[in-house]
N, C-alpha and C. Protein backbone atom coordinates (compact mmCIF):
# COMPACT_ATOMS: atom_id res chain seq x y z
N MET A 1 133.20 22.51 280.35
CA MET A 1 133.43 21.08 280.33
C MET A 1 134.59 20.75 281.26
N SER A 2 134.34 19.87 282.23
CA SER A 2 135.42 19.45 283.10
C SER A 2 135.82 18.02 282.72
N GLN A 3 137.09 17.79 282.69
CA GLN A 3 137.59 16.48 282.30
C GLN A 3 137.75 15.60 283.54
N LEU A 4 137.46 14.32 283.35
CA LEU A 4 137.61 13.35 284.42
C LEU A 4 139.07 12.95 284.56
N GLN A 5 139.43 12.59 285.77
CA GLN A 5 140.80 12.17 286.08
C GLN A 5 140.77 10.79 286.72
N PRO A 6 141.89 10.05 286.65
CA PRO A 6 141.94 8.76 287.35
C PRO A 6 141.58 8.94 288.83
N GLY A 7 140.75 8.02 289.31
CA GLY A 7 140.28 8.09 290.69
C GLY A 7 138.90 8.72 290.83
N ASP A 8 138.47 9.48 289.82
CA ASP A 8 137.14 10.10 289.87
C ASP A 8 136.06 9.03 289.74
N PRO A 9 134.90 9.28 290.35
CA PRO A 9 133.77 8.37 290.10
C PRO A 9 133.39 8.45 288.61
N ALA A 10 133.07 7.32 288.02
CA ALA A 10 132.63 7.29 286.63
C ALA A 10 131.13 7.57 286.60
N PRO A 11 130.71 8.54 285.79
CA PRO A 11 129.27 8.80 285.70
C PRO A 11 128.50 7.55 285.26
N ALA A 12 127.45 7.22 286.00
CA ALA A 12 126.61 6.08 285.65
C ALA A 12 125.82 6.41 284.40
N PHE A 13 125.45 5.39 283.64
CA PHE A 13 124.63 5.62 282.45
C PHE A 13 123.81 4.38 282.13
N THR A 14 122.72 4.61 281.46
CA THR A 14 121.93 3.57 280.80
C THR A 14 121.51 4.18 279.48
N LEU A 15 121.94 3.55 278.38
CA LEU A 15 121.67 4.09 277.04
C LEU A 15 121.16 3.00 276.12
N PRO A 16 120.35 3.39 275.11
CA PRO A 16 119.88 2.41 274.14
C PRO A 16 121.02 1.91 273.25
N THR A 17 120.90 0.64 272.87
CA THR A 17 121.91 0.04 272.01
C THR A 17 121.43 0.00 270.56
N ALA A 18 122.36 -0.35 269.70
CA ALA A 18 122.05 -0.51 268.29
C ALA A 18 121.14 -1.71 268.07
N SER A 19 121.05 -2.61 269.03
CA SER A 19 120.25 -3.84 268.87
C SER A 19 118.96 -3.82 269.68
N ASP A 20 118.38 -2.64 269.88
CA ASP A 20 117.09 -2.47 270.56
C ASP A 20 117.10 -2.83 272.04
N GLY A 21 118.24 -2.87 272.64
CA GLY A 21 118.32 -3.12 274.08
C GLY A 21 118.78 -1.85 274.78
N ALA A 22 119.34 -2.04 275.94
CA ALA A 22 119.94 -0.95 276.70
C ALA A 22 121.12 -1.51 277.48
N VAL A 23 122.12 -0.69 277.67
CA VAL A 23 123.30 -1.08 278.43
C VAL A 23 123.54 -0.02 279.49
N SER A 24 123.83 -0.51 280.70
CA SER A 24 124.18 0.37 281.82
C SER A 24 125.61 0.09 282.23
N LEU A 25 126.26 1.07 282.79
CA LEU A 25 127.60 0.86 283.33
C LEU A 25 127.55 -0.25 284.39
N SER A 26 126.48 -0.25 285.18
CA SER A 26 126.36 -1.24 286.26
C SER A 26 126.23 -2.68 285.73
N ASP A 27 125.93 -2.85 284.44
CA ASP A 27 125.89 -4.20 283.85
C ASP A 27 127.26 -4.88 283.93
N TYR A 28 128.30 -4.10 284.10
CA TYR A 28 129.67 -4.62 284.13
C TYR A 28 130.20 -4.74 285.56
N ALA A 29 129.31 -4.85 286.54
CA ALA A 29 129.70 -4.96 287.95
C ALA A 29 130.77 -6.03 288.13
N GLY A 30 131.82 -5.66 288.84
CA GLY A 30 132.93 -6.57 289.10
C GLY A 30 133.91 -6.68 287.95
N GLY A 31 133.78 -5.83 286.95
CA GLY A 31 134.66 -5.93 285.77
C GLY A 31 135.30 -4.61 285.40
N ARG A 32 135.96 -4.64 284.27
CA ARG A 32 136.60 -3.44 283.72
C ARG A 32 136.03 -3.22 282.34
N VAL A 33 135.73 -1.96 282.04
CA VAL A 33 135.14 -1.64 280.75
C VAL A 33 135.88 -0.47 280.11
N ILE A 34 136.12 -0.60 278.82
CA ILE A 34 136.67 0.49 278.03
C ILE A 34 135.47 1.20 277.43
N VAL A 35 135.27 2.45 277.84
CA VAL A 35 134.19 3.28 277.32
C VAL A 35 134.84 4.29 276.39
N TYR A 36 134.48 4.21 275.10
CA TYR A 36 135.06 5.18 274.18
C TYR A 36 133.96 5.96 273.48
N PHE A 37 134.23 7.24 273.28
CA PHE A 37 133.28 8.16 272.67
C PHE A 37 133.80 8.55 271.29
N PHE A 38 132.89 8.49 270.30
CA PHE A 38 133.28 8.82 268.93
C PHE A 38 132.25 9.77 268.32
N PRO A 39 132.68 10.62 267.39
CA PRO A 39 131.80 11.67 266.86
C PRO A 39 130.64 11.19 266.00
N ALA A 40 130.88 10.26 265.05
CA ALA A 40 129.80 9.95 264.11
C ALA A 40 130.02 8.60 263.45
N ALA A 41 129.02 7.75 263.54
CA ALA A 41 129.06 6.45 262.87
C ALA A 41 129.13 6.66 261.36
N MET A 42 129.71 5.67 260.69
CA MET A 42 129.77 5.62 259.23
C MET A 42 130.76 6.64 258.62
N THR A 43 131.60 7.24 259.45
CA THR A 43 132.62 8.15 258.92
C THR A 43 133.95 7.40 258.92
N PRO A 44 134.89 7.82 258.07
CA PRO A 44 136.14 7.05 257.93
C PRO A 44 136.91 6.85 259.25
N GLY A 45 137.14 7.91 260.00
CA GLY A 45 137.91 7.79 261.23
C GLY A 45 137.21 6.94 262.27
N CYS A 46 135.92 7.15 262.44
CA CYS A 46 135.16 6.38 263.43
C CYS A 46 135.05 4.92 263.03
N SER A 47 134.95 4.66 261.73
CA SER A 47 134.92 3.28 261.25
C SER A 47 136.24 2.58 261.54
N LEU A 48 137.33 3.27 261.27
CA LEU A 48 138.65 2.69 261.52
C LEU A 48 138.84 2.38 262.99
N GLU A 49 138.49 3.33 263.85
CA GLU A 49 138.64 3.12 265.29
C GLU A 49 137.77 1.95 265.77
N ALA A 50 136.52 1.88 265.32
CA ALA A 50 135.63 0.80 265.72
C ALA A 50 136.16 -0.56 265.24
N MET A 51 136.64 -0.62 264.02
CA MET A 51 137.18 -1.88 263.50
C MET A 51 138.44 -2.29 264.25
N ASP A 52 139.25 -1.31 264.67
CA ASP A 52 140.44 -1.61 265.47
C ASP A 52 140.03 -2.19 266.83
N PHE A 53 139.02 -1.61 267.47
CA PHE A 53 138.54 -2.16 268.74
C PHE A 53 138.00 -3.57 268.52
N ASP A 54 137.24 -3.76 267.45
CA ASP A 54 136.68 -5.08 267.17
C ASP A 54 137.77 -6.12 266.94
N ALA A 55 138.80 -5.74 266.20
CA ALA A 55 139.91 -6.67 265.93
C ALA A 55 140.65 -7.04 267.21
N ALA A 56 140.64 -6.15 268.19
CA ALA A 56 141.35 -6.38 269.46
C ALA A 56 140.47 -7.07 270.50
N MET A 57 139.21 -7.33 270.17
CA MET A 57 138.26 -7.88 271.15
C MET A 57 138.75 -9.16 271.83
N GLY A 58 139.33 -10.07 271.08
CA GLY A 58 139.79 -11.33 271.68
C GLY A 58 140.80 -11.10 272.77
N ASP A 59 141.82 -10.31 272.47
CA ASP A 59 142.86 -10.03 273.46
C ASP A 59 142.34 -9.20 274.62
N LEU A 60 141.49 -8.20 274.32
CA LEU A 60 140.94 -7.37 275.39
C LEU A 60 140.05 -8.20 276.32
N SER A 61 139.21 -9.05 275.73
CA SER A 61 138.34 -9.92 276.54
C SER A 61 139.16 -10.87 277.41
N ALA A 62 140.20 -11.45 276.82
CA ALA A 62 141.06 -12.38 277.57
C ALA A 62 141.73 -11.68 278.75
N ALA A 63 141.98 -10.37 278.61
CA ALA A 63 142.60 -9.60 279.69
C ALA A 63 141.55 -9.04 280.66
N GLY A 64 140.27 -9.35 280.44
CA GLY A 64 139.23 -8.93 281.36
C GLY A 64 138.55 -7.61 281.04
N TYR A 65 138.72 -7.12 279.83
CA TYR A 65 138.11 -5.84 279.44
C TYR A 65 136.89 -6.07 278.55
N HIS A 66 135.86 -5.26 278.78
CA HIS A 66 134.70 -5.16 277.90
C HIS A 66 134.86 -3.85 277.14
N VAL A 67 134.23 -3.71 275.99
CA VAL A 67 134.30 -2.47 275.20
C VAL A 67 132.89 -1.98 274.93
N VAL A 68 132.69 -0.67 275.09
CA VAL A 68 131.43 -0.01 274.77
C VAL A 68 131.76 1.27 274.02
N GLY A 69 131.12 1.48 272.87
CA GLY A 69 131.28 2.71 272.11
C GLY A 69 130.04 3.57 272.24
N ILE A 70 130.22 4.87 272.43
CA ILE A 70 129.10 5.80 272.61
C ILE A 70 129.25 6.97 271.64
N SER A 71 128.15 7.32 270.96
CA SER A 71 128.14 8.49 270.08
C SER A 71 126.78 9.18 270.17
N PRO A 72 126.68 10.38 269.63
CA PRO A 72 125.39 11.07 269.63
C PRO A 72 124.45 10.60 268.52
N ASP A 73 124.85 9.59 267.77
CA ASP A 73 124.01 9.06 266.69
C ASP A 73 122.77 8.37 267.25
N SER A 74 121.77 8.20 266.40
CA SER A 74 120.57 7.44 266.78
C SER A 74 120.91 5.95 266.86
N ALA A 75 120.10 5.21 267.59
CA ALA A 75 120.29 3.76 267.69
C ALA A 75 120.16 3.11 266.31
N GLU A 76 119.30 3.65 265.47
CA GLU A 76 119.12 3.11 264.13
C GLU A 76 120.39 3.25 263.28
N LYS A 77 121.00 4.41 263.34
CA LYS A 77 122.24 4.62 262.58
C LYS A 77 123.35 3.73 263.12
N LEU A 78 123.41 3.59 264.44
CA LEU A 78 124.42 2.72 265.04
C LEU A 78 124.20 1.26 264.64
N ALA A 79 122.94 0.85 264.49
CA ALA A 79 122.64 -0.51 264.05
C ALA A 79 123.17 -0.73 262.63
N ARG A 80 122.97 0.23 261.75
CA ARG A 80 123.49 0.11 260.38
C ARG A 80 125.02 0.06 260.39
N PHE A 81 125.63 0.86 261.24
CA PHE A 81 127.09 0.91 261.37
C PHE A 81 127.62 -0.44 261.86
N ALA A 82 127.01 -0.97 262.91
CA ALA A 82 127.45 -2.25 263.48
C ALA A 82 127.30 -3.37 262.45
N ALA A 83 126.20 -3.37 261.72
CA ALA A 83 125.97 -4.42 260.72
C ALA A 83 126.95 -4.28 259.56
N ARG A 84 127.17 -3.06 259.10
CA ARG A 84 128.06 -2.84 257.97
C ARG A 84 129.48 -3.31 258.28
N ASP A 85 129.96 -3.01 259.50
CA ASP A 85 131.35 -3.31 259.86
C ASP A 85 131.48 -4.56 260.73
N ASN A 86 130.38 -5.32 260.90
CA ASN A 86 130.39 -6.55 261.70
C ASN A 86 130.99 -6.35 263.09
N LEU A 87 130.57 -5.31 263.77
CA LEU A 87 131.10 -4.98 265.10
C LEU A 87 130.45 -5.87 266.15
N ARG A 88 131.26 -6.38 267.07
CA ARG A 88 130.80 -7.35 268.06
C ARG A 88 130.67 -6.79 269.46
N PHE A 89 130.77 -5.50 269.63
CA PHE A 89 130.62 -4.90 270.96
C PHE A 89 129.48 -3.89 270.91
N PRO A 90 128.91 -3.54 272.07
CA PRO A 90 127.76 -2.63 272.08
C PRO A 90 128.11 -1.22 271.64
N LEU A 91 127.25 -0.66 270.80
CA LEU A 91 127.30 0.75 270.42
C LEU A 91 126.07 1.40 271.04
N LEU A 92 126.29 2.48 271.78
CA LEU A 92 125.21 3.11 272.53
C LEU A 92 124.91 4.50 271.99
N ALA A 93 123.62 4.83 271.93
CA ALA A 93 123.15 6.10 271.40
C ALA A 93 122.96 7.11 272.53
N ASP A 94 123.56 8.28 272.38
CA ASP A 94 123.42 9.37 273.36
C ASP A 94 123.09 10.67 272.60
N PRO A 95 121.93 10.70 271.91
CA PRO A 95 121.62 11.87 271.09
C PRO A 95 121.45 13.17 271.88
N GLN A 96 121.09 13.09 273.15
CA GLN A 96 120.99 14.31 273.97
C GLN A 96 122.35 14.73 274.52
N ARG A 97 123.35 13.89 274.33
CA ARG A 97 124.74 14.16 274.74
C ARG A 97 124.91 14.28 276.26
N ASP A 98 124.00 13.70 277.02
CA ASP A 98 124.09 13.77 278.48
C ASP A 98 125.31 13.02 279.00
N VAL A 99 125.52 11.80 278.51
CA VAL A 99 126.65 10.99 278.98
C VAL A 99 127.95 11.56 278.41
N LEU A 100 127.93 11.95 277.14
CA LEU A 100 129.11 12.60 276.55
C LEU A 100 129.55 13.78 277.42
N SER A 101 128.60 14.61 277.82
CA SER A 101 128.92 15.79 278.64
C SER A 101 129.41 15.39 280.02
N ALA A 102 128.78 14.38 280.63
CA ALA A 102 129.17 13.95 281.96
C ALA A 102 130.61 13.45 282.00
N TYR A 103 131.07 12.85 280.89
CA TYR A 103 132.44 12.36 280.81
C TYR A 103 133.41 13.42 280.27
N GLY A 104 132.92 14.61 279.96
CA GLY A 104 133.78 15.66 279.41
C GLY A 104 134.16 15.39 277.97
N ALA A 105 133.36 14.58 277.27
CA ALA A 105 133.66 14.21 275.90
C ALA A 105 132.84 15.01 274.88
N PHE A 106 132.22 16.07 275.33
CA PHE A 106 131.51 16.98 274.43
C PHE A 106 131.80 18.38 274.88
N GLY A 107 132.21 19.23 273.95
CA GLY A 107 132.52 20.61 274.28
C GLY A 107 133.32 21.27 273.19
N GLU A 108 134.00 22.31 273.57
CA GLU A 108 134.79 23.07 272.60
C GLU A 108 136.05 22.31 272.22
N LYS A 109 136.32 22.29 270.93
CA LYS A 109 137.52 21.65 270.41
C LYS A 109 137.98 22.42 269.19
N THR A 110 139.19 22.16 268.75
CA THR A 110 139.72 22.79 267.56
C THR A 110 139.62 21.80 266.41
N LEU A 111 138.99 22.23 265.33
CA LEU A 111 138.82 21.39 264.15
C LEU A 111 139.27 22.20 262.94
N TYR A 112 140.32 21.73 262.30
CA TYR A 112 140.89 22.43 261.14
C TYR A 112 141.20 23.90 261.47
N GLY A 113 141.73 24.11 262.68
CA GLY A 113 142.16 25.44 263.08
C GLY A 113 141.05 26.34 263.60
N LYS A 114 139.81 25.85 263.64
CA LYS A 114 138.69 26.65 264.12
C LYS A 114 138.14 26.05 265.40
N LYS A 115 137.70 26.90 266.32
CA LYS A 115 137.05 26.44 267.55
C LYS A 115 135.60 26.09 267.23
N VAL A 116 135.22 24.87 267.57
CA VAL A 116 133.85 24.40 267.35
C VAL A 116 133.40 23.61 268.58
N GLU A 117 132.11 23.40 268.70
CA GLU A 117 131.58 22.56 269.76
C GLU A 117 131.22 21.22 269.15
N GLY A 118 131.65 20.15 269.80
CA GLY A 118 131.35 18.83 269.27
C GLY A 118 131.89 17.73 270.17
N VAL A 119 131.85 16.52 269.65
CA VAL A 119 132.33 15.34 270.37
C VAL A 119 133.85 15.36 270.39
N ILE A 120 134.41 15.18 271.55
CA ILE A 120 135.86 15.07 271.73
C ILE A 120 136.17 13.59 271.81
N ARG A 121 136.85 13.06 270.80
CA ARG A 121 137.16 11.63 270.77
C ARG A 121 137.95 11.28 272.04
N SER A 122 137.36 10.43 272.88
CA SER A 122 137.92 10.15 274.21
C SER A 122 137.74 8.67 274.55
N THR A 123 138.62 8.19 275.41
CA THR A 123 138.56 6.81 275.87
C THR A 123 138.82 6.75 277.37
N PHE A 124 138.06 5.90 278.05
CA PHE A 124 138.18 5.74 279.49
C PHE A 124 138.26 4.26 279.85
N ILE A 125 139.11 3.95 280.80
CA ILE A 125 139.11 2.63 281.42
C ILE A 125 138.38 2.82 282.74
N VAL A 126 137.31 2.05 282.93
CA VAL A 126 136.49 2.18 284.12
C VAL A 126 136.50 0.86 284.88
N ASP A 127 136.88 0.92 286.16
CA ASP A 127 136.76 -0.23 287.05
C ASP A 127 135.38 -0.15 287.68
N VAL A 128 134.60 -1.20 287.55
CA VAL A 128 133.25 -1.22 288.09
C VAL A 128 133.24 -2.20 289.27
N ASP A 129 132.88 -1.69 290.44
CA ASP A 129 132.90 -2.55 291.63
C ASP A 129 131.72 -3.51 291.62
N ASP A 130 131.66 -4.37 292.61
CA ASP A 130 130.62 -5.39 292.67
C ASP A 130 129.22 -4.81 292.82
N ASP A 131 129.13 -3.56 293.28
CA ASP A 131 127.83 -2.89 293.43
C ASP A 131 127.43 -2.13 292.16
N GLY A 132 128.30 -2.16 291.13
CA GLY A 132 127.98 -1.48 289.87
C GLY A 132 128.41 -0.03 289.81
N GLU A 133 129.18 0.41 290.80
CA GLU A 133 129.69 1.78 290.81
C GLU A 133 131.04 1.82 290.11
N GLY A 134 131.21 2.76 289.18
CA GLY A 134 132.45 2.84 288.42
C GLY A 134 133.41 3.89 288.93
N ARG A 135 134.70 3.63 288.70
CA ARG A 135 135.75 4.58 289.04
C ARG A 135 136.68 4.66 287.84
N ILE A 136 137.07 5.88 287.48
CA ILE A 136 137.96 6.10 286.33
C ILE A 136 139.36 5.61 286.68
N ASP A 137 139.88 4.70 285.87
CA ASP A 137 141.25 4.23 286.02
C ASP A 137 142.18 4.97 285.05
N MET A 138 141.66 5.27 283.86
CA MET A 138 142.44 5.99 282.85
C MET A 138 141.48 6.87 282.06
N ALA A 139 141.90 8.10 281.77
CA ALA A 139 141.10 9.02 280.96
C ALA A 139 141.99 9.60 279.88
N GLN A 140 141.56 9.45 278.63
CA GLN A 140 142.33 9.97 277.50
C GLN A 140 141.40 10.81 276.63
N TYR A 141 141.75 12.08 276.46
CA TYR A 141 140.96 13.00 275.65
C TYR A 141 141.73 13.35 274.37
N ASN A 142 140.97 13.72 273.35
CA ASN A 142 141.55 14.14 272.06
C ASN A 142 142.46 13.07 271.46
N VAL A 143 141.99 11.82 271.53
CA VAL A 143 142.78 10.74 270.95
C VAL A 143 142.59 10.74 269.44
N ARG A 144 143.53 10.14 268.75
CA ARG A 144 143.44 10.01 267.30
C ARG A 144 142.74 8.69 266.97
N ALA A 145 141.97 8.70 265.91
CA ALA A 145 141.29 7.48 265.48
C ALA A 145 142.32 6.44 265.02
N THR A 146 143.31 6.89 264.29
CA THR A 146 144.32 5.99 263.73
C THR A 146 145.38 5.69 264.78
N GLY A 147 145.58 4.42 265.05
CA GLY A 147 146.63 3.99 265.98
C GLY A 147 146.26 4.05 267.45
N HIS A 148 145.08 4.57 267.76
CA HIS A 148 144.70 4.73 269.17
C HIS A 148 144.57 3.39 269.88
N VAL A 149 143.92 2.43 269.25
CA VAL A 149 143.70 1.14 269.91
C VAL A 149 145.03 0.42 270.14
N ALA A 150 145.93 0.49 269.18
CA ALA A 150 147.25 -0.13 269.35
C ALA A 150 148.00 0.52 270.52
N LYS A 151 147.93 1.83 270.62
CA LYS A 151 148.58 2.55 271.72
C LYS A 151 147.94 2.17 273.05
N LEU A 152 146.62 2.10 273.08
CA LEU A 152 145.93 1.72 274.29
C LEU A 152 146.30 0.30 274.74
N ARG A 153 146.40 -0.60 273.78
CA ARG A 153 146.79 -1.97 274.10
C ARG A 153 148.19 -2.02 274.71
N ARG A 154 149.11 -1.22 274.18
CA ARG A 154 150.46 -1.16 274.76
C ARG A 154 150.40 -0.64 276.19
N GLU A 155 149.63 0.41 276.41
CA GLU A 155 149.53 1.00 277.75
C GLU A 155 148.88 0.03 278.75
N LEU A 156 147.97 -0.81 278.27
CA LEU A 156 147.31 -1.78 279.16
C LEU A 156 148.07 -3.10 279.25
N GLY A 157 149.09 -3.25 278.43
CA GLY A 157 149.86 -4.49 278.42
C GLY A 157 149.07 -5.65 277.83
N VAL A 158 148.20 -5.35 276.88
CA VAL A 158 147.36 -6.38 276.25
C VAL A 158 147.81 -6.63 274.83
């Protein structure tokens, strides 16, 4: 697994959404998008992180940021998650983990002192040019679910 760095091209993607649609990185042409990867919908940490992003949506949107959450869950499970927690941003399903792997957000990690393979909770700020091509502005790996959004907001000045 290779990790992305600021300045790297952002891997393009098109993934199914929780609402029976699809979202591509190029849909955000000319904008900035926060792409965050989480291990599993409906779990305490992932719920907290998603609700923190949702609570920050007004300020993030006002500052020109869009938010997209990606996990290996099915679109159906993500739909239940979004409905349960009233989430207002797209949740994208990547069950084959292709996009997770392309962003370096899937691989070996330490969990409770043991090496395991799984989703590495990660967040990226992606600048998308007018042609729909993305470039990594910020890459954060192994973030904590608790307090991560507040820390990110401080770093972005939002």
